[in-house]
Amino acid sequence: MGRLGPLEITIIVLVLLLLFGGKKIPELMRGLGSGMKEFKKAASGEGDDQSTPQNPSK
């Protein structure tokens, strides 16, 4: 399999527009972006409760 050229990318974009419509695509991309952000945060260990030491004296 070769790399995607400009013609193939154009065809994929047109098919996505036909399937989802112009209004739905920004919502899908926003959801994809937030999902990737959460995945990166989880992979780097940010916000992980187990990695922070807990203070049992309180």
N, C-alpha and C. Protein backbone atom coordinates (compact mmCIF):
# COMPACT_ATOMS: atom_id res chain seq x y z
N MET A 1 0.83 -1.17 0.00
CA MET A 1 0.00 0.00 0.00
C MET A 1 0.88 1.24 0.00
N GLY A 2 0.53 2.16 -0.85
CA GLY A 2 1.28 3.39 -0.94
C GLY A 2 0.73 4.46 -0.03
N ARG A 3 1.31 5.60 -0.14
CA ARG A 3 0.87 6.73 0.67
C ARG A 3 -0.36 7.37 0.03
N LEU A 4 -1.10 8.11 0.84
CA LEU A 4 -2.28 8.80 0.35
C LEU A 4 -1.86 10.07 -0.38
N GLY A 5 -2.35 10.21 -1.58
CA GLY A 5 -2.08 11.41 -2.36
C GLY A 5 -3.20 12.42 -2.19
N PRO A 6 -3.08 13.56 -2.85
CA PRO A 6 -4.11 14.60 -2.73
C PRO A 6 -5.47 14.15 -3.26
N LEU A 7 -5.49 13.34 -4.30
CA LEU A 7 -6.76 12.86 -4.85
C LEU A 7 -7.48 11.94 -3.87
N GLU A 8 -6.75 11.05 -3.24
CA GLU A 8 -7.36 10.13 -2.28
C GLU A 8 -7.89 10.88 -1.06
N ILE A 9 -7.13 11.86 -0.59
CA ILE A 9 -7.58 12.65 0.56
C ILE A 9 -8.85 13.42 0.21
N THR A 10 -8.90 13.99 -0.99
CA THR A 10 -10.09 14.72 -1.44
C THR A 10 -11.30 13.80 -1.49
N ILE A 11 -11.12 12.60 -1.99
CA ILE A 11 -12.23 11.65 -2.08
C ILE A 11 -12.72 11.27 -0.68
N ILE A 12 -11.80 11.06 0.25
CA ILE A 12 -12.17 10.70 1.63
C ILE A 12 -12.95 11.84 2.28
N VAL A 13 -12.50 13.08 2.07
CA VAL A 13 -13.20 14.24 2.64
C VAL A 13 -14.60 14.37 2.06
N LEU A 14 -14.74 14.17 0.76
CA LEU A 14 -16.05 14.25 0.13
C LEU A 14 -17.00 13.17 0.65
N VAL A 15 -16.50 11.96 0.84
CA VAL A 15 -17.33 10.88 1.37
C VAL A 15 -17.77 11.19 2.79
N LEU A 16 -16.85 11.74 3.61
CA LEU A 16 -17.21 12.12 4.98
C LEU A 16 -18.28 13.21 4.98
N LEU A 17 -18.16 14.18 4.08
CA LEU A 17 -19.19 15.22 3.99
C LEU A 17 -20.53 14.65 3.60
N LEU A 18 -20.53 13.69 2.69
CA LEU A 18 -21.79 13.08 2.28
C LEU A 18 -22.41 12.24 3.40
N LEU A 19 -21.58 11.55 4.16
CA LEU A 19 -22.09 10.68 5.22
C LEU A 19 -22.60 11.47 6.42
N PHE A 20 -21.82 12.46 6.87
CA PHE A 20 -22.13 13.13 8.13
C PHE A 20 -22.72 14.52 7.96
N GLY A 21 -22.49 15.17 6.86
CA GLY A 21 -22.98 16.53 6.67
C GLY A 21 -22.03 17.55 7.27
N GLY A 22 -22.17 18.79 6.86
CA GLY A 22 -21.27 19.85 7.29
C GLY A 22 -21.41 20.25 8.74
N LYS A 23 -22.58 20.07 9.33
CA LYS A 23 -22.79 20.49 10.71
C LYS A 23 -22.26 19.48 11.72
N LYS A 24 -22.25 18.22 11.36
CA LYS A 24 -21.88 17.17 12.30
C LYS A 24 -20.35 16.99 12.40
N ILE A 25 -19.61 17.30 11.35
CA ILE A 25 -18.17 17.06 11.33
C ILE A 25 -17.43 17.84 12.42
N PRO A 26 -17.70 19.15 12.64
CA PRO A 26 -17.00 19.84 13.73
C PRO A 26 -17.25 19.21 15.10
N GLU A 27 -18.46 18.72 15.33
CA GLU A 27 -18.75 18.05 16.61
C GLU A 27 -17.93 16.77 16.74
N LEU A 28 -17.82 16.02 15.66
CA LEU A 28 -17.03 14.78 15.69
C LEU A 28 -15.56 15.07 15.94
N MET A 29 -15.02 16.11 15.29
CA MET A 29 -13.61 16.45 15.47
C MET A 29 -13.35 16.96 16.89
N ARG A 30 -14.30 17.71 17.45
CA ARG A 30 -14.16 18.20 18.83
C ARG A 30 -14.11 17.03 19.79
N GLY A 31 -14.98 16.05 19.58
CA GLY A 31 -14.99 14.86 20.43
C GLY A 31 -13.72 14.05 20.29
N LEU A 32 -13.22 13.96 19.07
CA LEU A 32 -11.97 13.24 18.83
C LEU A 32 -10.81 13.95 19.53
N GLY A 33 -10.79 15.27 19.45
CA GLY A 33 -9.72 16.04 20.09
C GLY A 33 -9.74 15.90 21.60
N SER A 34 -10.92 15.95 22.19
CA SER A 34 -11.00 15.81 23.65
C SER A 34 -10.63 14.39 24.07
N GLY A 35 -10.99 13.42 23.27
CA GLY A 35 -10.60 12.04 23.58
C GLY A 35 -9.10 11.85 23.52
N MET A 36 -8.46 12.45 22.53
CA MET A 36 -7.00 12.36 22.43
C MET A 36 -6.32 13.07 23.59
N LYS A 37 -6.89 14.20 24.02
CA LYS A 37 -6.32 14.94 25.14
C LYS A 37 -6.40 14.10 26.42
N GLU A 38 -7.54 13.44 26.65
CA GLU A 38 -7.69 12.60 27.83
C GLU A 38 -6.75 11.40 27.77
N PHE A 39 -6.56 10.83 26.58
CA PHE A 39 -5.66 9.70 26.44
C PHE A 39 -4.22 10.11 26.74
N LYS A 40 -3.79 11.26 26.23
CA LYS A 40 -2.43 11.73 26.49
C LYS A 40 -2.24 12.02 27.97
N LYS A 41 -3.26 12.60 28.60
CA LYS A 41 -3.18 12.90 30.02
C LYS A 41 -3.06 11.61 30.83
N ALA A 42 -3.83 10.60 30.47
CA ALA A 42 -3.78 9.33 31.18
C ALA A 42 -2.45 8.61 30.93
N ALA A 43 -1.93 8.73 29.71
CA ALA A 43 -0.68 8.06 29.38
C ALA A 43 0.50 8.71 30.10
N SER A 44 0.45 10.03 30.29
CA SER A 44 1.56 10.71 30.96
C SER A 44 1.45 10.63 32.47
N GLY A 45 0.29 10.24 32.99
CA GLY A 45 0.11 10.08 34.42
C GLY A 45 -0.39 11.31 35.13
N GLU A 46 -0.79 12.34 34.39
CA GLU A 46 -1.33 13.54 35.02
C GLU A 46 -2.68 13.21 35.65
N GLY A 47 -2.91 13.74 36.83
CA GLY A 47 -4.18 13.53 37.51
C GLY A 47 -4.35 12.13 38.07
N ASP A 48 -3.28 11.39 38.14
CA ASP A 48 -3.34 10.03 38.67
C ASP A 48 -3.30 10.09 40.19
N ASP A 49 -4.36 9.65 40.85
CA ASP A 49 -4.46 9.74 42.30
C ASP A 49 -3.47 8.80 43.00
N GLN A 50 -3.10 7.71 42.39
CA GLN A 50 -2.23 6.74 43.04
C GLN A 50 -0.78 7.20 43.06
N SER A 51 -0.36 8.07 42.13
CA SER A 51 1.03 8.49 42.08
C SER A 51 1.33 9.61 43.08
N THR A 52 0.33 10.31 43.57
CA THR A 52 0.56 11.38 44.54
C THR A 52 0.52 10.81 45.95
N PRO A 53 1.46 11.20 46.80
CA PRO A 53 1.43 10.68 48.17
C PRO A 53 0.26 11.28 48.95
N GLN A 54 -0.36 10.44 49.75
CA GLN A 54 -1.49 10.89 50.53
C GLN A 54 -1.03 11.19 51.94
N ASN A 55 -1.67 12.18 52.56
CA ASN A 55 -1.32 12.58 53.91
C ASN A 55 -2.30 11.93 54.88
N PRO A 56 -1.91 10.85 55.58
CA PRO A 56 -2.85 10.14 56.46
C PRO A 56 -3.06 10.86 57.80
N SER A 57 -2.30 11.93 58.10
CA SER A 57 -2.43 12.58 59.40
C SER A 57 -3.68 13.43 59.50
N LYS A 58 -4.36 13.74 58.41
CA LYS A 58 -5.55 14.59 58.48
C LYS A 58 -6.80 13.81 58.73
